[in-house]
C-alpha cells in the first residue's frame, strides 16, 4: 500500500469511526458496534504507524516499501 492509499484508508476509517461515535447520543452502542469501533481504532493506529514508517524510511534514503504493518500489541502499546 503506498502513501496515498494509506491516507485514503485512514480517511475512510476515521469517517466510519465518527459515524459510529455520533450514533451514541441518548443510547449506547451495541456489542457489535463496540467491537467494530475497537477494530477501527486498532486499524487506524496500524495505518498511521505504517505511514510514519514509510515517511521515515523515505527521508533516511531507505525503501519505503520495506515498511510493514506492526501487530496490534505493538501499536497499541505506544505512548501518545
N, C-alpha and C. Protein backbone atom coordinates (compact mmCIF):
# COMPACT_ATOMS: atom_id res chain seq x y z
N UNK A 1 0.86 -1.17 0.00
CA UNK A 1 0.00 0.00 0.00
C UNK A 1 0.91 1.24 0.00
N UNK A 2 0.69 2.14 -0.94
CA UNK A 2 1.50 3.35 -0.99
C UNK A 2 0.88 4.45 -0.13
N UNK A 3 1.58 5.59 -0.03
CA UNK A 3 1.13 6.66 0.87
C UNK A 3 -0.27 7.17 0.54
N UNK A 4 -0.60 7.48 -0.71
CA UNK A 4 -1.95 7.96 -1.00
C UNK A 4 -3.03 6.93 -0.63
N UNK A 5 -2.75 5.65 -0.85
CA UNK A 5 -3.71 4.61 -0.47
C UNK A 5 -3.87 4.55 1.04
N UNK A 6 -2.78 4.72 1.78
CA UNK A 6 -2.85 4.73 3.24
C UNK A 6 -3.67 5.91 3.74
N UNK A 7 -3.44 7.08 3.16
CA UNK A 7 -4.20 8.27 3.57
C UNK A 7 -5.69 8.06 3.27
N UNK A 8 -5.99 7.47 2.13
CA UNK A 8 -7.38 7.19 1.76
C UNK A 8 -8.01 6.21 2.76
N UNK A 9 -7.27 5.19 3.14
CA UNK A 9 -7.75 4.20 4.11
C UNK A 9 -7.98 4.85 5.48
N UNK A 10 -7.03 5.69 5.90
CA UNK A 10 -7.16 6.40 7.17
C UNK A 10 -8.42 7.26 7.17
N UNK A 11 -8.64 7.97 6.08
CA UNK A 11 -9.82 8.83 5.96
C UNK A 11 -11.11 8.02 6.06
N UNK A 12 -11.15 6.90 5.35
CA UNK A 12 -12.35 6.05 5.38
C UNK A 12 -12.61 5.49 6.78
N UNK A 13 -11.55 5.05 7.44
CA UNK A 13 -11.71 4.51 8.80
C UNK A 13 -12.14 5.61 9.77
N UNK A 14 -11.54 6.78 9.66
CA UNK A 14 -11.89 7.89 10.55
C UNK A 14 -13.35 8.31 10.33
N UNK A 15 -13.80 8.33 9.08
CA UNK A 15 -15.20 8.66 8.79
C UNK A 15 -16.14 7.64 9.43
N UNK A 16 -15.79 6.37 9.32
CA UNK A 16 -16.63 5.33 9.92
C UNK A 16 -16.63 5.44 11.45
N UNK A 17 -15.47 5.73 12.01
CA UNK A 17 -15.36 5.92 13.46
C UNK A 17 -16.26 7.06 13.93
N UNK A 18 -16.23 8.17 13.21
CA UNK A 18 -17.07 9.32 13.56
C UNK A 18 -18.56 9.00 13.46
N UNK A 19 -18.93 8.26 12.43
CA UNK A 19 -20.35 7.87 12.28
C UNK A 19 -20.80 7.01 13.46
N UNK A 20 -19.96 6.07 13.85
CA UNK A 20 -20.31 5.22 14.99
C UNK A 20 -20.40 6.03 16.27
N UNK A 21 -19.46 6.92 16.49
CA UNK A 21 -19.46 7.73 17.70
C UNK A 21 -20.67 8.66 17.75
N UNK A 22 -21.10 9.16 16.61
CA UNK A 22 -22.24 10.06 16.56
C UNK A 22 -23.56 9.32 16.76
N UNK A 23 -23.54 8.03 16.62
CA UNK A 23 -24.77 7.25 16.79
C UNK A 23 -25.06 6.99 18.27
N UNK A 24 -24.19 7.41 19.16
CA UNK A 24 -24.32 7.17 20.60
C UNK A 24 -25.35 8.02 21.33
N UNK A 25 -25.54 9.31 21.00
CA UNK A 25 -26.36 10.18 21.85
C UNK A 25 -27.68 9.54 22.27
N UNK A 26 -27.94 9.56 23.58
CA UNK A 26 -29.19 9.05 24.10
C UNK A 26 -29.23 7.54 24.26
N UNK A 27 -28.46 6.85 23.53
CA UNK A 27 -28.42 5.39 23.62
C UNK A 27 -26.97 4.97 23.71
N UNK A 28 -26.73 3.76 23.68
CA UNK A 28 -25.35 3.29 23.69
C UNK A 28 -25.08 2.56 22.40
N UNK A 29 -23.91 2.05 22.31
CA UNK A 29 -23.59 1.23 21.15
C UNK A 29 -23.88 -0.22 21.50
N UNK A 30 -24.28 -0.95 20.51
CA UNK A 30 -24.48 -2.39 20.71
C UNK A 30 -23.11 -3.05 20.88
N UNK A 31 -23.10 -4.27 21.33
CA UNK A 31 -21.84 -5.00 21.48
C UNK A 31 -21.12 -5.09 20.14
N UNK A 32 -21.89 -5.30 19.08
CA UNK A 32 -21.31 -5.39 17.74
C UNK A 32 -20.67 -4.05 17.34
N UNK A 33 -21.34 -2.95 17.65
CA UNK A 33 -20.79 -1.63 17.32
C UNK A 33 -19.54 -1.33 18.14
N UNK A 34 -19.54 -1.73 19.42
CA UNK A 34 -18.34 -1.55 20.25
C UNK A 34 -17.16 -2.33 19.67
N UNK A 35 -17.43 -3.55 19.25
CA UNK A 35 -16.38 -4.38 18.66
C UNK A 35 -15.87 -3.75 17.37
N UNK A 36 -16.77 -3.25 16.55
CA UNK A 36 -16.38 -2.61 15.29
C UNK A 36 -15.54 -1.36 15.58
N UNK A 37 -15.96 -0.57 16.57
CA UNK A 37 -15.22 0.64 16.94
C UNK A 37 -13.81 0.28 17.40
N UNK A 38 -13.69 -0.75 18.19
CA UNK A 38 -12.37 -1.21 18.65
C UNK A 38 -11.51 -1.63 17.47
N UNK A 39 -12.09 -2.36 16.54
CA UNK A 39 -11.36 -2.80 15.34
C UNK A 39 -10.89 -1.59 14.52
N UNK A 40 -11.74 -0.61 14.38
CA UNK A 40 -11.40 0.61 13.64
C UNK A 40 -10.23 1.33 14.31
N UNK A 41 -10.30 1.46 15.64
CA UNK A 41 -9.24 2.15 16.38
C UNK A 41 -7.89 1.47 16.17
N UNK A 42 -7.86 0.15 16.21
CA UNK A 42 -6.62 -0.59 16.00
C UNK A 42 -6.13 -0.41 14.57
N UNK A 43 -7.05 -0.54 13.61
CA UNK A 43 -6.67 -0.38 12.20
C UNK A 43 -6.13 1.02 11.93
N UNK A 44 -6.73 2.04 12.55
CA UNK A 44 -6.23 3.41 12.39
C UNK A 44 -4.82 3.54 12.94
N UNK A 45 -4.59 2.99 14.12
CA UNK A 45 -3.26 3.04 14.71
C UNK A 45 -2.23 2.35 13.82
N UNK A 46 -2.61 1.21 13.27
CA UNK A 46 -1.70 0.48 12.39
C UNK A 46 -1.43 1.26 11.10
N UNK A 47 -2.46 1.87 10.53
CA UNK A 47 -2.27 2.65 9.30
C UNK A 47 -1.38 3.87 9.55
N UNK A 48 -1.64 4.59 10.64
CA UNK A 48 -0.80 5.76 10.96
C UNK A 48 0.64 5.33 11.19
N UNK A 49 0.83 4.24 11.90
CA UNK A 49 2.18 3.74 12.15
C UNK A 49 2.88 3.38 10.84
N UNK A 50 2.17 2.69 9.96
CA UNK A 50 2.76 2.32 8.68
C UNK A 50 3.11 3.56 7.86
N UNK A 51 2.25 4.55 7.85
CA UNK A 51 2.53 5.78 7.11
C UNK A 51 3.77 6.48 7.69
N UNK A 52 3.88 6.54 9.02
CA UNK A 52 5.07 7.14 9.65
C UNK A 52 6.33 6.35 9.30
N UNK A 53 6.23 5.03 9.32
CA UNK A 53 7.38 4.20 8.95
C UNK A 53 7.83 4.50 7.53
N UNK A 54 6.86 4.55 6.62
CA UNK A 54 7.18 4.80 5.21
C UNK A 54 7.86 6.16 5.04
N UNK A 55 7.33 7.17 5.71
CA UNK A 55 7.91 8.51 5.60
C UNK A 55 9.31 8.56 6.20
N UNK A 56 9.50 7.89 7.32
CA UNK A 56 10.82 7.86 7.97
C UNK A 56 11.83 7.14 7.08
N UNK A 57 11.43 6.03 6.52
CA UNK A 57 12.33 5.28 5.64
C UNK A 57 12.69 6.13 4.41
N UNK A 58 11.70 6.78 3.84
CA UNK A 58 11.95 7.61 2.66
C UNK A 58 12.91 8.74 3.00
N UNK A 59 12.70 9.42 4.13
CA UNK A 59 13.54 10.56 4.49
C UNK A 59 14.97 10.14 4.85
N UNK A 60 15.16 8.87 5.20
CA UNK A 60 16.52 8.40 5.51
C UNK A 60 17.15 7.66 4.34
N UNK A 61 16.52 7.74 3.18
CA UNK A 61 17.09 7.15 1.97
C UNK A 61 16.84 5.65 1.84
N UNK A 62 15.95 5.11 2.66
CA UNK A 62 15.63 3.69 2.59
C UNK A 62 14.37 3.48 1.77
N UNK A 63 14.12 2.24 1.45
CA UNK A 63 12.95 1.87 0.65
C UNK A 63 11.68 1.91 1.50
N UNK A 64 10.74 2.82 1.21
CA UNK A 64 9.50 2.88 1.99
C UNK A 64 8.65 1.62 1.86
N UNK A 65 8.81 0.90 0.76
CA UNK A 65 8.03 -0.32 0.57
C UNK A 65 8.48 -1.46 1.49
N UNK A 66 9.60 -1.28 2.17
CA UNK A 66 10.06 -2.29 3.12
C UNK A 66 9.37 -2.15 4.47
N UNK A 67 8.62 -1.07 4.66
CA UNK A 67 7.86 -0.88 5.91
C UNK A 67 6.77 -1.94 5.97
N UNK A 68 6.43 -2.35 7.18
CA UNK A 68 5.42 -3.39 7.35
C UNK A 68 4.44 -3.02 8.46
N UNK A 69 3.23 -3.55 8.34
CA UNK A 69 2.22 -3.34 9.37
C UNK A 69 2.69 -4.06 10.63
N UNK A 70 2.66 -3.32 11.74
CA UNK A 70 3.06 -3.92 13.01
C UNK A 70 1.84 -4.52 13.70
N UNK A 71 2.07 -5.52 14.54
CA UNK A 71 0.95 -6.17 15.24
C UNK A 71 0.22 -5.22 16.18
N UNK A 72 -1.03 -5.57 16.46
CA UNK A 72 -1.86 -4.76 17.36
C UNK A 72 -1.17 -4.51 18.69
N UNK A 73 -0.56 -5.54 19.26
CA UNK A 73 0.08 -5.39 20.58
C UNK A 73 1.19 -4.33 20.54
N UNK A 74 1.83 -4.19 19.42
CA UNK A 74 2.91 -3.20 19.29
C UNK A 74 2.34 -1.80 19.19
N UNK A 75 1.44 -1.57 18.25
CA UNK A 75 0.93 -0.21 18.03
C UNK A 75 0.05 0.27 19.17
N UNK A 76 -0.63 -0.64 19.84
CA UNK A 76 -1.49 -0.25 20.95
C UNK A 76 -0.69 0.06 22.20
N UNK A 77 0.58 -0.34 22.22
CA UNK A 77 1.43 -0.08 23.38
C UNK A 77 2.17 1.25 23.30
N UNK A 78 2.05 1.96 22.19
CA UNK A 78 2.75 3.24 22.03
C UNK A 78 2.17 4.29 22.96
N UNK A 79 3.03 5.16 23.46
CA UNK A 79 2.60 6.30 24.26
C UNK A 79 2.30 7.44 23.30
N UNK A 80 1.22 8.17 23.56
CA UNK A 80 0.89 9.30 22.68
C UNK A 80 0.94 10.58 23.43
